[in-house]
């Protein structure tokens, strides 16, 4: 399997794992998370940054999990992301592509 494909598969697995963990939280628990929390990790030998962003939106909170990897001497960044929208009414749904784009994804 090509390295790039292996990297993407591992990113998707990590994103899914993070989303599953967040999905188990309540709106109040999400609201108590910091606006941004990041940590470094290595995926297929590449140094990456995993960041969880929490942003207010009308009727709830948008939570985005992003894995970013710098390339070309730091001039480019490759990233993959997924998100959830937590409603004040307790609902949870996947964030739309539009909602992810608004956050800079």
Protein backbone atom coordinates (compact mmCIF):
# COMPACT_ATOMS: atom_id res chain seq x y z
CA UNK A 1 0.00 0.00 0.00
CA UNK A 2 1.47 3.42 -0.91
CA UNK A 3 2.63 5.56 2.02
CA UNK A 4 0.17 8.37 1.21
CA UNK A 5 -2.74 5.93 1.26
CA UNK A 6 -1.55 4.45 4.56
CA UNK A 7 -1.25 7.96 6.00
CA UNK A 8 -4.79 8.85 4.93
CA UNK A 9 -6.23 5.62 6.34
CA UNK A 10 -4.51 6.23 9.68
CA UNK A 11 -5.71 9.86 9.75
CA UNK A 12 -9.28 8.75 9.08
CA UNK A 13 -9.03 6.13 11.85
CA UNK A 14 -7.74 8.71 14.36
CA UNK A 15 -10.39 11.24 13.35
CA UNK A 16 -13.14 8.64 13.74
CA UNK A 17 -11.78 7.66 17.16
CA UNK A 18 -11.75 11.30 18.33
CA UNK A 19 -15.24 11.95 16.94
CA UNK A 20 -16.58 8.85 18.72
CA UNK A 21 -15.08 10.05 22.01
CA UNK A 22 -16.60 13.52 21.58
CA UNK A 23 -19.97 12.09 20.56
CA UNK A 24 -20.30 10.55 24.01
CA UNK A 25 -20.12 13.97 25.71
CA UNK A 26 -23.05 16.17 26.69
CA UNK A 27 -23.53 19.77 25.59
CA UNK A 28 -22.38 20.96 29.04
CA UNK A 29 -19.23 18.84 28.82
CA UNK A 30 -18.49 20.19 25.33
CA UNK A 31 -19.07 23.73 26.60
CA UNK A 32 -16.41 23.23 29.28
CA UNK A 33 -13.71 22.27 26.74
CA UNK A 34 -11.12 24.90 25.76
CA UNK A 35 -11.61 26.81 22.51
CA UNK A 36 -8.63 24.93 21.05
CA UNK A 37 -6.60 22.01 22.37
CA UNK A 38 -3.75 20.49 20.43
CA UNK A 39 -1.11 17.85 20.73
CA UNK A 40 1.61 16.47 18.52
CA UNK A 41 1.57 12.94 17.15
CA UNK A 42 3.36 10.91 14.51
CA UNK A 43 1.53 9.18 11.68
CA UNK A 44 3.52 6.91 9.36
CA UNK A 45 6.68 8.79 10.37
CA UNK A 46 5.21 12.26 9.79
CA UNK A 47 5.01 14.78 12.61
CA UNK A 48 1.41 15.99 12.81
CA UNK A 49 -0.74 18.22 14.98
CA UNK A 50 -4.13 17.00 16.23
CA UNK A 51 -6.33 19.94 17.24
CA UNK A 52 -9.85 20.03 18.65
CA UNK A 53 -11.63 23.35 18.09
CA UNK A 54 -14.85 24.31 19.92
CA UNK A 55 -16.74 27.25 18.45
CA UNK A 56 -20.08 28.76 19.38
CA UNK A 57 -22.76 28.85 16.71
CA UNK A 58 -26.42 29.74 16.65
CA UNK A 59 -28.21 27.09 18.68
CA UNK A 60 -25.15 25.20 19.85
CA UNK A 61 -21.46 24.46 19.45
CA UNK A 62 -19.37 23.31 16.51
CA UNK A 63 -16.58 20.91 17.45
CA UNK A 64 -13.94 20.22 14.80
CA UNK A 65 -11.15 17.65 15.00
CA UNK A 66 -8.29 18.38 12.62
CA UNK A 67 -5.07 16.56 11.83
CA UNK A 68 -2.52 18.79 10.08
CA UNK A 69 0.89 18.00 8.62
CA UNK A 70 3.36 20.58 7.37
CA UNK A 71 5.11 20.01 4.04
CA UNK A 72 7.45 21.86 1.68
CA UNK A 73 9.59 23.32 4.47
CA UNK A 74 6.51 24.53 6.34
CA UNK A 75 5.12 26.45 3.37
CA UNK A 76 2.18 24.05 2.86
CA UNK A 77 -0.15 22.29 5.24
CA UNK A 78 -2.14 19.16 4.52
CA UNK A 79 -5.07 18.55 6.79
CA UNK A 80 -8.04 16.29 7.28
CA UNK A 81 -10.92 17.08 9.57
CA UNK A 82 -14.33 16.05 10.81
CA UNK A 83 -16.79 17.83 13.02
CA UNK A 84 -19.91 17.56 15.12
CA UNK A 85 -22.60 20.09 15.93
CA UNK A 86 -23.93 19.91 19.49
CA UNK A 87 -27.32 21.55 19.88
CA UNK A 88 -28.43 23.22 23.09
CA UNK A 89 -31.42 20.84 22.92
CA UNK A 90 -29.08 17.83 23.30
CA UNK A 91 -29.00 16.90 19.62
CA UNK A 92 -25.72 15.88 17.96
CA UNK A 93 -25.11 15.70 14.22
CA UNK A 94 -22.20 15.58 11.79
CA UNK A 95 -20.97 19.00 10.71
CA UNK A 96 -21.62 19.83 7.07
CA UNK A 97 -18.83 20.61 4.62
CA UNK A 98 -20.05 24.22 4.68
CA UNK A 99 -19.73 24.40 8.46
CA UNK A 100 -16.23 22.95 8.28
CA UNK A 101 -15.25 25.49 5.60
CA UNK A 102 -16.46 28.37 7.75
CA UNK A 103 -13.97 27.30 10.42
CA UNK A 104 -11.13 27.49 7.93
CA UNK A 105 -11.02 23.83 6.93
